[in-house]
Amino acid sequence: MKKSDREIMEILEAFDTTNSAHSAAALAGVDPKTVRRYVAARDAGTPVTGPGRRERMIDPFVGKVEEWVDRSKGKIRADVVHQRLVGLGFTGTERTTRRAVAEAKRAWRAGRRRTYRPWITEPGLWLSSTGARARMCLQAVDVAVGLALVACGFVNSGEVPLPPQVGLPQTHDHQTATDDSLRSVRASPWAP
């Protein structure tokens, strides 16, 4: 029966306290062979729970495989890697090489993924189009930005007064105001 992590820790603790497998087994309520097995695994540096990773034939060459994957920016093919490894004395199969190359490429891509960076605006850097903020921003920008606000439909007549140098007609027809403004700079989307 598989022991829980808590039970394994109690067995190892009992062994550390008594320094004897037989006494630790009596304290933990398990067989002395179980205590010896967990202590041997801990001392060897292998995982106490579950099977450990066996050594593979390609392990001495993994550094070279990773280097080639990195140098090729993840584009090198496994058959090319296998040919190079055979030249270095590797006696394993092509399937082993394909697994190692796939693992190296997966690790390479994981280290070079784009990270999500939220857009954090700095105060006063971006133009806002709501109420008092728009009024303050429009006072600080030139005529071209005022025309762009009108063209995008951010400015309603009467809601945000434009600076006097823009000189747009005071009308409630947004398309007409936008059209007239853009015709003056020859950029109207409605012009023929």
C-alpha atoms as a PDB file:
ATOM      1  CA  MET A   1       0.000   0.000   0.000  1.00  0.00           C
ATOM      2  CA  LYS A   2       1.325   3.409  -0.971  1.00  0.00           C
ATOM      3  CA  LYS A   3       2.128   5.713   1.880  1.00  0.00           C
ATOM      4  CA  SER A   4       0.955   9.299   1.978  1.00  0.00           C
ATOM      5  CA  ASP A   5       3.483  12.112   2.096  1.00  0.00           C
ATOM      6  CA  ARG A   6       2.654  12.685   5.750  1.00  0.00           C
ATOM      7  CA  GLU A   7       3.310   9.017   6.627  1.00  0.00           C
ATOM      8  CA  ILE A   8       6.615   9.059   4.736  1.00  0.00           C
ATOM      9  CA  MET A   9       7.703  12.185   6.608  1.00  0.00           C
ATOM     10  CA  GLU A  10       6.786  10.523   9.929  1.00  0.00           C
ATOM     11  CA  ILE A  11       8.839   7.433   8.988  1.00  0.00           C
ATOM     12  CA  LEU A  12      11.874   9.568   8.067  1.00  0.00           C
ATOM     13  CA  GLU A  13      11.455  11.664  11.203  1.00  0.00           C
ATOM     14  CA  ALA A  14      11.309   8.530  13.361  1.00  0.00           C
ATOM     15  CA  PHE A  15      14.499   7.236  11.731  1.00  0.00           C
ATOM     16  CA  ASP A  16      16.276  10.574  12.248  1.00  0.00           C
ATOM     17  CA  THR A  17      15.258  10.501  15.912  1.00  0.00           C
ATOM     18  CA  THR A  18      16.264   6.893  16.649  1.00  0.00           C
ATOM     19  CA  ASN A  19      18.930   6.231  13.982  1.00  0.00           C
ATOM     20  CA  SER A  20      17.654   2.650  13.812  1.00  0.00           C
ATOM     21  CA  ALA A  21      15.342   1.110  11.229  1.00  0.00           C
ATOM     22  CA  HIS A  22      13.848  -1.344  13.750  1.00  0.00           C
ATOM     23  CA  SER A  23      13.057   1.364  16.357  1.00  0.00           C
ATOM     24  CA  ALA A  24      11.752   3.770  13.696  1.00  0.00           C
ATOM     25  CA  ALA A  25       9.501   1.026  12.334  1.00  0.00           C
ATOM     26  CA  ALA A  26       8.053   0.453  15.797  1.00  0.00           C
ATOM     27  CA  LEU A  27       7.422   4.201  16.264  1.00  0.00           C
ATOM     28  CA  ALA A  28       5.856   4.663  12.820  1.00  0.00           C
ATOM     29  CA  GLY A  29       3.951   1.374  12.807  1.00  0.00           C
ATOM     30  CA  VAL A  30       5.527  -0.002   9.621  1.00  0.00           C
ATOM     31  CA  ASP A  31       7.933  -2.795   8.652  1.00  0.00           C
ATOM     32  CA  PRO A  32      11.691  -2.126   9.116  1.00  0.00           C
ATOM     33  CA  LYS A  33      12.246  -2.881   5.387  1.00  0.00           C
ATOM     34  CA  THR A  34       9.908   0.017   4.533  1.00  0.00           C
ATOM     35  CA  VAL A  35      11.954   2.340   6.749  1.00  0.00           C
ATOM     36  CA  ARG A  36      15.216   1.182   5.117  1.00  0.00           C
ATOM     37  CA  ARG A  37      13.766   1.680   1.616  1.00  0.00           C
ATOM     38  CA  TYR A  38      12.636   5.282   2.283  1.00  0.00           C
ATOM     39  CA  VAL A  39      15.889   6.175   4.075  1.00  0.00           C
ATOM     40  CA  ALA A  40      17.988   4.723   1.222  1.00  0.00           C
ATOM     41  CA  ALA A  41      15.978   6.683  -1.354  1.00  0.00           C
ATOM     42  CA  ARG A  42      16.368   9.927   0.608  1.00  0.00           C
ATOM     43  CA  ASP A  43      20.101   9.401   1.089  1.00  0.00           C
ATOM     44  CA  ALA A  44      20.564   8.652  -2.623  1.00  0.00           C
ATOM     45  CA  GLY A  45      18.809  11.903  -3.533  1.00  0.00           C
ATOM     46  CA  THR A  46      16.078  10.160  -5.535  1.00  0.00           C
ATOM     47  CA  PRO A  47      12.386  10.896  -5.074  1.00  0.00           C
ATOM     48  CA  VAL A  48      10.998   9.018  -2.110  1.00  0.00           C
ATOM     49  CA  THR A  49       7.571   8.685  -3.716  1.00  0.00           C
ATOM     50  CA  GLY A  50       7.150   7.235  -7.181  1.00  0.00           C
ATOM     51  CA  PRO A  51       9.702   5.813  -9.554  1.00  0.00           C
ATOM     52  CA  GLY A  52      12.895   7.742 -10.244  1.00  0.00           C
ATOM     53  CA  ARG A  53      14.167   8.699 -13.674  1.00  0.00           C
ATOM     54  CA  ARG A  54      16.440   6.085 -15.217  1.00  0.00           C
ATOM     55  CA  GLU A  55      19.605   7.085 -16.993  1.00  0.00           C
ATOM     56  CA  ARG A  56      19.252   7.236 -20.778  1.00  0.00           C
ATOM     57  CA  MET A  57      21.822   6.514 -23.469  1.00  0.00           C
ATOM     58  CA  ILE A  58      21.582  10.102 -24.706  1.00  0.00           C
ATOM     59  CA  ASP A  59      22.183  11.751 -21.315  1.00  0.00           C
ATOM     60  CA  PRO A  60      25.919  12.390 -21.941  1.00  0.00           C
ATOM     61  CA  PHE A  61      24.988  14.138 -25.230  1.00  0.00           C
ATOM     62  CA  VAL A  62      22.028  16.226 -24.025  1.00  0.00           C
ATOM     63  CA  GLY A  63      24.193  19.310 -23.585  1.00  0.00           C
ATOM     64  CA  LYS A  64      25.262  19.134 -27.236  1.00  0.00           C
ATOM     65  CA  VAL A  65      21.657  18.629 -28.396  1.00  0.00           C
ATOM     66  CA  GLU A  66      20.534  21.679 -26.397  1.00  0.00           C
ATOM     67  CA  GLU A  67      23.408  23.718 -27.821  1.00  0.00           C
ATOM     68  CA  TRP A  68      22.466  22.819 -31.411  1.00  0.00           C
ATOM     69  CA  VAL A  69      18.791  23.579 -30.770  1.00  0.00           C
ATOM     70  CA  ASP A  70      19.724  26.939 -29.261  1.00  0.00           C
ATOM     71  CA  ARG A  71      22.149  27.828 -32.053  1.00  0.00           C
ATOM     72  CA  SER A  72      19.552  26.972 -34.719  1.00  0.00           C
ATOM     73  CA  LYS A  73      16.826  28.852 -32.798  1.00  0.00           C
ATOM     74  CA  GLY A  74      14.748  25.691 -32.521  1.00  0.00           C
ATOM     75  CA  LYS A  75      14.819  24.907 -36.266  1.00  0.00           C
ATOM     76  CA  ILE A  76      17.239  21.959 -36.405  1.00  0.00           C
ATOM     77  CA  ARG A  77      15.765  18.592 -37.392  1.00  0.00           C
ATOM     78  CA  ALA A  78      16.190  15.438 -35.302  1.00  0.00           C
ATOM     79  CA  ASP A  79      17.700  13.437 -38.176  1.00  0.00           C
ATOM     80  CA  VAL A  80      20.449  16.036 -38.573  1.00  0.00           C
ATOM     81  CA  VAL A  81      21.111  15.938 -34.828  1.00  0.00           C
ATOM     82  CA  HIS A  82      21.255  12.124 -34.945  1.00  0.00           C
ATOM     83  CA  GLN A  83      23.856  12.157 -37.732  1.00  0.00           C
ATOM     84  CA  ARG A  84      26.006  14.592 -35.775  1.00  0.00           C
ATOM     85  CA  LEU A  85      25.656  12.529 -32.578  1.00  0.00           C
ATOM     86  CA  VAL A  86      26.680   9.331 -34.372  1.00  0.00           C
ATOM     87  CA  GLY A  87      29.806  11.200 -35.464  1.00  0.00           C
ATOM     88  CA  LEU A  88      30.473  11.962 -31.779  1.00  0.00           C
ATOM     89  CA  GLY A  89      30.125   8.294 -30.776  1.00  0.00           C
ATOM     90  CA  PHE A  90      26.423   8.007 -29.877  1.00  0.00           C
ATOM     91  CA  THR A  91      25.169   4.429 -30.318  1.00  0.00           C
ATOM     92  CA  GLY A  92      21.472   4.950 -29.597  1.00  0.00           C
ATOM     93  CA  THR A  93      18.554   4.849 -32.012  1.00  0.00           C
ATOM     94  CA  GLU A  94      17.052   7.641 -34.041  1.00  0.00           C
ATOM     95  CA  ARG A  95      13.895   7.440 -31.923  1.00  0.00           C
ATOM     96  CA  THR A  96      15.911   8.267 -28.798  1.00  0.00           C
ATOM     97  CA  THR A  97      17.389  11.255 -30.591  1.00  0.00           C
ATOM     98  CA  ARG A  98      13.947  12.434 -31.746  1.00  0.00           C
ATOM     99  CA  ARG A  99      12.659  12.321 -28.163  1.00  0.00           C
ATOM    100  CA  ALA A 100      15.661  14.271 -26.874  1.00  0.00           C
ATOM    101  CA  VAL A 101      15.403  16.885 -29.642  1.00  0.00           C
ATOM    102  CA  ALA A 102      11.661  17.315 -29.044  1.00  0.00           C
ATOM    103  CA  GLU A 103      12.300  17.805 -25.324  1.00  0.00           C
ATOM    104  CA  ALA A 104      15.102  20.306 -26.008  1.00  0.00           C
ATOM    105  CA  LYS A 105      12.927  22.252 -28.471  1.00  0.00           C
ATOM    106  CA  ARG A 106      10.027  22.316 -26.011  1.00  0.00           C
ATOM    107  CA  ALA A 107      12.327  23.710 -23.316  1.00  0.00           C
ATOM    108  CA  TRP A 108      13.821  26.223 -25.772  1.00  0.00           C
ATOM    109  CA  ARG A 109      10.374  27.493 -26.838  1.00  0.00           C
ATOM    110  CA  ALA A 110       9.180  27.699 -23.235  1.00  0.00           C
ATOM    111  CA  GLY A 111      12.074  30.016 -22.415  1.00  0.00           C
ATOM    112  CA  ARG A 112      11.294  32.318 -25.352  1.00  0.00           C
ATOM    113  CA  ARG A 113       7.529  32.724 -25.165  1.00  0.00           C
ATOM    114  CA  ARG A 114       6.074  36.179 -25.335  1.00  0.00           C
ATOM    115  CA  THR A 115       4.817  37.285 -21.996  1.00  0.00           C
ATOM    116  CA  TYR A 116       1.628  39.215 -21.489  1.00  0.00           C
ATOM    117  CA  ARG A 117       2.418  42.770 -20.566  1.00  0.00           C
ATOM    118  CA  PRO A 118      -0.627  44.821 -19.663  1.00  0.00           C
ATOM    119  CA  TRP A 119      -0.884  48.291 -21.091  1.00  0.00           C
ATOM    120  CA  ILE A 120      -0.365  50.640 -18.188  1.00  0.00           C
ATOM    121  CA  THR A 121      -0.869  54.239 -19.157  1.00  0.00           C
ATOM    122  CA  GLU A 122       1.085  57.031 -17.576  1.00  0.00           C
ATOM    123  CA  PRO A 123      -0.941  60.010 -16.358  1.00  0.00           C
ATOM    124  CA  GLY A 124      -1.041  62.786 -18.933  1.00  0.00           C
ATOM    125  CA  LEU A 125       0.518  60.693 -21.664  1.00  0.00           C
ATOM    126  CA  TRP A 126      -2.646  59.499 -23.416  1.00  0.00           C
ATOM    127  CA  LEU A 127      -5.578  61.530 -24.637  1.00  0.00           C
ATOM    128  CA  SER A 128      -8.871  60.890 -22.898  1.00  0.00           C
ATOM    129  CA  SER A 129     -12.198  61.809 -24.419  1.00  0.00           C
ATOM    130  CA  THR A 130     -14.523  62.060 -21.453  1.00  0.00           C
ATOM    131  CA  GLY A 131     -15.777  65.284 -19.932  1.00  0.00           C
ATOM    132  CA  ALA A 132     -13.324  67.517 -18.074  1.00  0.00           C
ATOM    133  CA  ARG A 133     -10.349  65.364 -18.990  1.00  0.00           C
ATOM    134  CA  ALA A 134     -11.058  65.874 -22.693  1.00  0.00           C
ATOM    135  CA  ARG A 135     -11.386  69.610 -22.127  1.00  0.00           C
ATOM    136  CA  MET A 136      -7.963  69.741 -20.435  1.00  0.00           C
ATOM    137  CA  CYS A 137      -6.365  67.533 -23.090  1.00  0.00           C
ATOM    138  CA  LEU A 138      -7.813  69.546 -25.960  1.00  0.00           C
ATOM    139  CA  GLN A 139      -6.360  72.717 -24.518  1.00  0.00           C
ATOM    140  CA  ALA A 140      -2.923  71.096 -24.572  1.00  0.00           C
ATOM    141  CA  VAL A 141      -3.015  69.616 -28.081  1.00  0.00           C
ATOM    142  CA  ASP A 142      -2.862  71.185 -31.493  1.00  0.00           C
ATOM    143  CA  VAL A 143      -5.485  71.511 -34.218  1.00  0.00           C
ATOM    144  CA  ALA A 144      -4.725  68.144 -35.851  1.00  0.00           C
ATOM    145  CA  VAL A 145      -5.630  66.197 -32.733  1.00  0.00           C
ATOM    146  CA  GLY A 146      -8.863  68.144 -32.384  1.00  0.00           C
ATOM    147  CA  LEU A 147      -9.762  67.204 -35.952  1.00  0.00           C
ATOM    148  CA  ALA A 148      -8.879  63.574 -35.246  1.00  0.00           C
ATOM    149  CA  LEU A 149     -11.230  63.553 -32.261  1.00  0.00           C
ATOM    150  CA  VAL A 150     -14.029  64.888 -34.420  1.00  0.00           C
ATOM    151  CA  ALA A 151     -13.294  62.364 -37.162  1.00  0.00           C
ATOM    152  CA  CYS A 152     -13.387  59.459 -34.742  1.00  0.00           C
ATOM    153  CA  GLY A 153     -16.680  60.618 -33.278  1.00  0.00           C
ATOM    154  CA  PHE A 154     -15.302  61.220 -29.782  1.00  0.00           C
ATOM    155  CA  VAL A 155     -16.499  64.801 -29.616  1.00  0.00           C
ATOM    156  CA  ASN A 156     -20.202  65.549 -29.493  1.00  0.00           C
ATOM    157  CA  SER A 157     -21.347  69.046 -30.239  1.00  0.00           C
ATOM    158  CA  GLY A 158     -21.703  70.892 -26.965  1.00  0.00           C
ATOM    159  CA  GLU A 159     -20.249  68.073 -24.856  1.00  0.00           C
ATOM    160  CA  VAL A 160     -16.592  68.988 -25.260  1.00  0.00           C
ATOM    161  CA  PRO A 161     -15.869  72.478 -26.568  1.00  0.00           C
ATOM    162  CA  LEU A 162     -13.084  72.556 -29.117  1.00  0.00           C
ATOM    163  CA  PRO A 163     -10.339  75.159 -28.922  1.00  0.00           C
ATOM    164  CA  PRO A 164     -11.154  78.339 -30.877  1.00  0.00           C
ATOM    165  CA  GLN A 165      -8.361  77.771 -33.406  1.00  0.00           C
ATOM    166  CA  VAL A 166     -10.106  74.645 -34.743  1.00  0.00           C
ATOM    167  CA  GLY A 167     -13.103  76.696 -35.807  1.00  0.00           C
ATOM    168  CA  LEU A 168     -15.617  73.929 -36.524  1.00  0.00           C
ATOM    169  CA  PRO A 169     -19.202  74.870 -37.311  1.00  0.00           C
ATOM    170  CA  GLN A 170     -21.517  74.535 -34.314  1.00  0.00           C
ATOM    171  CA  THR A 171     -24.014  71.982 -35.580  1.00  0.00           C
ATOM    172  CA  HIS A 172     -25.713  68.913 -34.221  1.00  0.00           C
ATOM    173  CA  ASP A 173     -25.073  66.915 -37.371  1.00  0.00           C
ATOM    174  CA  HIS A 174     -21.858  65.023 -36.515  1.00  0.00           C
ATOM    175  CA  GLN A 175     -21.293  63.733 -40.037  1.00  0.00           C
ATOM    176  CA  THR A 176     -21.601  67.211 -41.538  1.00  0.00           C
ATOM    177  CA  ALA A 177     -19.217  68.701 -38.950  1.00  0.00           C
ATOM    178  CA  THR A 178     -16.723  65.913 -39.453  1.00  0.00           C
ATOM    179  CA  ASP A 179     -17.056  66.079 -43.221  1.00  0.00           C
ATOM    180  CA  ASP A 180     -16.524  69.855 -43.320  1.00  0.00           C
ATOM    181  CA  SER A 181     -13.517  69.594 -41.019  1.00  0.00           C
ATOM    182  CA  LEU A 182     -11.908  66.820 -42.990  1.00  0.00           C
ATOM    183  CA  ARG A 183     -12.616  68.486 -46.356  1.00  0.00           C
ATOM    184  CA  SER A 184     -10.598  71.452 -45.154  1.00  0.00           C
ATOM    185  CA  VAL A 185      -7.570  69.143 -44.866  1.00  0.00           C
ATOM    186  CA  ARG A 186      -8.618  67.017 -47.897  1.00  0.00           C
ATOM    187  CA  ALA A 187      -9.193  63.832 -45.858  1.00  0.00           C
ATOM    188  CA  SER A 188     -12.957  63.322 -45.793  1.00  0.00           C
ATOM    189  CA  PRO A 189     -14.044  59.682 -46.041  1.00  0.00           C
ATOM    190  CA  TRP A 190     -17.341  60.811 -47.613  1.00  0.00           C
ATOM    191  CA  ALA A 191     -15.740  62.986 -50.292  1.00  0.00           C
ATOM    192  CA  PRO A 192     -16.071  61.671 -53.852  1.00  0.00           C
END
